[in-house]
Protein backbone atom coordinates (compact mmCIF):
# COMPACT_ATOMS: atom_id res chain seq x y z
CA MET A 1 5.75 16.01 -2.15
CA ARG A 2 5.38 19.39 -2.35
CA GLY A 3 7.84 21.98 -4.13
CA SER A 4 9.97 23.32 -1.12
CA VAL A 5 9.92 20.25 0.44
CA ARG A 6 11.45 18.57 -2.31
CA TYR A 7 15.24 20.68 -2.07
CA ILE A 8 15.10 20.76 1.85
CA GLY A 9 18.08 18.04 1.19
CA GLU A 10 20.04 20.60 -1.54
CA LEU A 11 19.39 23.39 0.41
CA LEU A 12 21.35 21.54 3.25
CA ILE A 13 23.90 20.28 1.27
CA GLY A 14 24.47 23.75 -0.46
CA LEU A 15 24.50 25.35 3.19
CA GLY A 16 26.79 22.44 4.03
CA VAL A 17 29.42 23.61 1.58
CA LEU A 18 28.54 27.30 2.01
CA HIS A 19 29.45 27.20 5.26
CA ILE A 20 32.95 24.93 4.92
CA ALA A 21 33.89 27.44 2.44
CA VAL A 22 32.76 30.40 4.03
CA GLY A 23 34.38 28.54 6.94
CA LEU A 24 38.09 28.73 5.73
CA THR A 25 37.57 31.56 3.64
CA PRO A 26 38.17 34.32 6.09
CA GLY A 27 39.33 31.39 8.75
CA ARG A 28 42.15 30.63 6.24
CA ARG A 29 44.40 32.75 9.00
CA GLN A 30 43.18 30.98 11.18
CA PHE A 31 43.38 27.41 10.40
CA GLY A 32 47.17 28.57 8.91
CA ALA A 33 48.01 29.24 12.15
CA MET A 34 47.13 25.94 13.73
CA VAL A 35 48.88 24.26 11.44
CA ARG A 36 52.68 25.84 11.91
CA GLU A 37 51.78 25.01 15.83
CA GLY A 38 51.93 21.54 15.22
CA VAL A 39 47.18 21.82 15.10
CA VAL A 40 46.70 19.08 18.09
CA ASP A 41 45.65 21.30 20.90
CA THR A 42 45.29 24.77 19.00
CA ILE A 43 42.18 25.76 19.40
CA ASP A 44 41.23 26.04 23.01
CA GLY A 45 41.61 29.81 24.35
CA HIS A 46 41.58 31.27 21.12
CA PRO A 47 38.08 32.24 19.84
CA ASP A 48 39.02 33.33 16.32
CA ARG A 49 39.81 29.24 15.66
CA GLU A 50 37.21 28.50 17.81
CA ARG A 51 34.88 29.81 15.64
CA ALA A 52 36.79 29.13 12.53
CA PHE A 53 36.28 24.78 13.45
CA TRP A 54 33.14 25.22 14.30
CA PHE A 55 31.33 27.41 11.89
CA THR A 56 33.49 24.74 9.20
CA MET A 57 33.07 21.64 10.72
CA PHE A 58 29.13 22.21 10.74
CA GLY A 59 29.30 21.73 6.94
CA PRO A 60 29.77 18.08 6.87
CA GLY A 61 26.99 17.78 9.08
CA LEU A 62 24.85 19.46 7.14
CA ILE A 63 25.82 18.13 4.27
CA ALA A 64 25.40 14.43 6.05
CA GLN A 65 21.68 15.82 7.14
CA GLY A 66 21.34 16.69 3.26
CA GLN A 67 22.31 13.43 1.67
CA LEU A 68 19.72 11.66 4.01
CA ALA A 69 16.52 13.45 3.58
CA ARG A 70 17.52 13.48 -0.42
CA TRP A 71 18.05 9.70 -0.66
CA SER A 72 14.71 9.76 1.93
CA LEU A 73 12.89 11.89 0.01
CA ARG A 74 13.53 9.66 -2.79
CA ARG A 75 12.17 5.79 -1.33
CA THR A 76 9.87 6.58 -0.22
CA GLY A 77 8.25 10.38 -0.67
CA THR A 78 8.73 11.72 3.33
CA LEU A 79 11.20 12.34 5.57
CA PRO A 80 11.20 10.20 9.08
CA ASP A 81 9.30 11.80 11.77
CA CYS A 82 12.85 11.76 13.66
CA TRP A 83 15.03 13.08 10.94
CA GLU A 84 12.57 16.60 11.35
CA TRP A 85 12.04 16.75 14.73
CA ASN A 86 15.69 16.20 15.70
CA LEU A 87 16.34 18.58 12.66
CA LEU A 88 13.09 21.52 14.57
CA ALA A 89 15.17 20.64 17.78
CA THR A 90 18.68 21.55 16.71
CA CYS A 91 17.56 24.74 14.78
CA THR A 92 15.54 25.90 17.56
CA THR A 93 18.41 25.76 20.36
CA GLY A 94 20.79 27.19 17.72
CA ALA A 95 18.02 30.59 17.13
CA LEU A 96 17.60 31.18 20.38
CA LEU A 97 21.36 30.52 22.05
CA ILE A 98 22.89 32.12 18.87
CA PRO A 99 19.91 34.38 17.82
CA ARG A 100 22.03 36.71 14.67
CA SER A 101 22.76 32.91 12.83
CA GLY A 102 21.35 31.16 10.44
CA PHE A 103 19.85 28.42 12.61
CA TRP A 104 16.23 30.89 11.90
CA PHE A 105 16.42 29.41 8.57
CA GLY A 106 16.15 26.08 9.50
CA ILE A 107 12.93 26.54 10.98
CA PRO A 108 10.63 26.82 8.00
CA GLN A 109 11.55 24.00 6.03
CA VAL A 110 11.60 21.70 8.68
CA LEU A 111 7.45 23.01 9.37
CA LEU A 112 6.65 23.13 5.83
CA SER A 113 7.98 19.35 5.83
CA ARG A 114 6.63 18.12 8.57
CA ALA A 115 2.78 19.83 6.91
CA ALA A 116 4.20 17.82 3.98
CA THR A 117 4.25 14.68 5.67
CA HIS A 118 1.17 14.96 7.85
CA ALA A 119 -0.47 15.76 4.84
CA ARG A 120 1.45 12.92 3.00
CA GLN A 121 0.30 10.23 5.61
CA VAL A 122 -3.03 11.64 5.85
CA ARG A 123 -3.36 10.30 2.04
CA CYS A 124 -2.20 7.04 2.81
CA ILE A 125 -4.52 6.37 5.29
CA ARG A 126 -7.14 7.49 3.45
CA THR A 127 -6.71 5.70 0.05
CA ALA A 128 -5.82 2.52 2.57
CA ARG A 129 -8.58 2.69 4.36
CA HIS A 130 -10.86 3.50 0.94
CA THR A 131 -8.85 0.60 -0.96
CA ASN A 132 -9.46 -1.79 2.12
CA SER A 133 -13.33 -1.28 2.11
CA GLY A 134 -13.88 -2.24 -0.73
């Protein structure tokens, strides 16, 4: 497992925690207003509340992705192809739709992960051929 890929889970968990903290800190006025108004149906039509809500709600998803990556890397030494492609699709779509965002930071991580996964798969195939040919 290569260096930066080894920590992709921790990076995503940290980013998720950061999303929650940053979403709640500046958004505390918006969340406070939502609570005072009874929470239910208090976001629609309020762009500041929408922004605070979605920024904060993205955090748990990032944490879950990071935990899955960490678990997979510890168990198998690699990440599932579907996980990498889904994260790449999410980051690319987000970066294109919101160019001034942090989605761009996910793309290099996924590409590094793909390269490491491919290198590991090739190594495993070569090792299996060598072992089985004897």
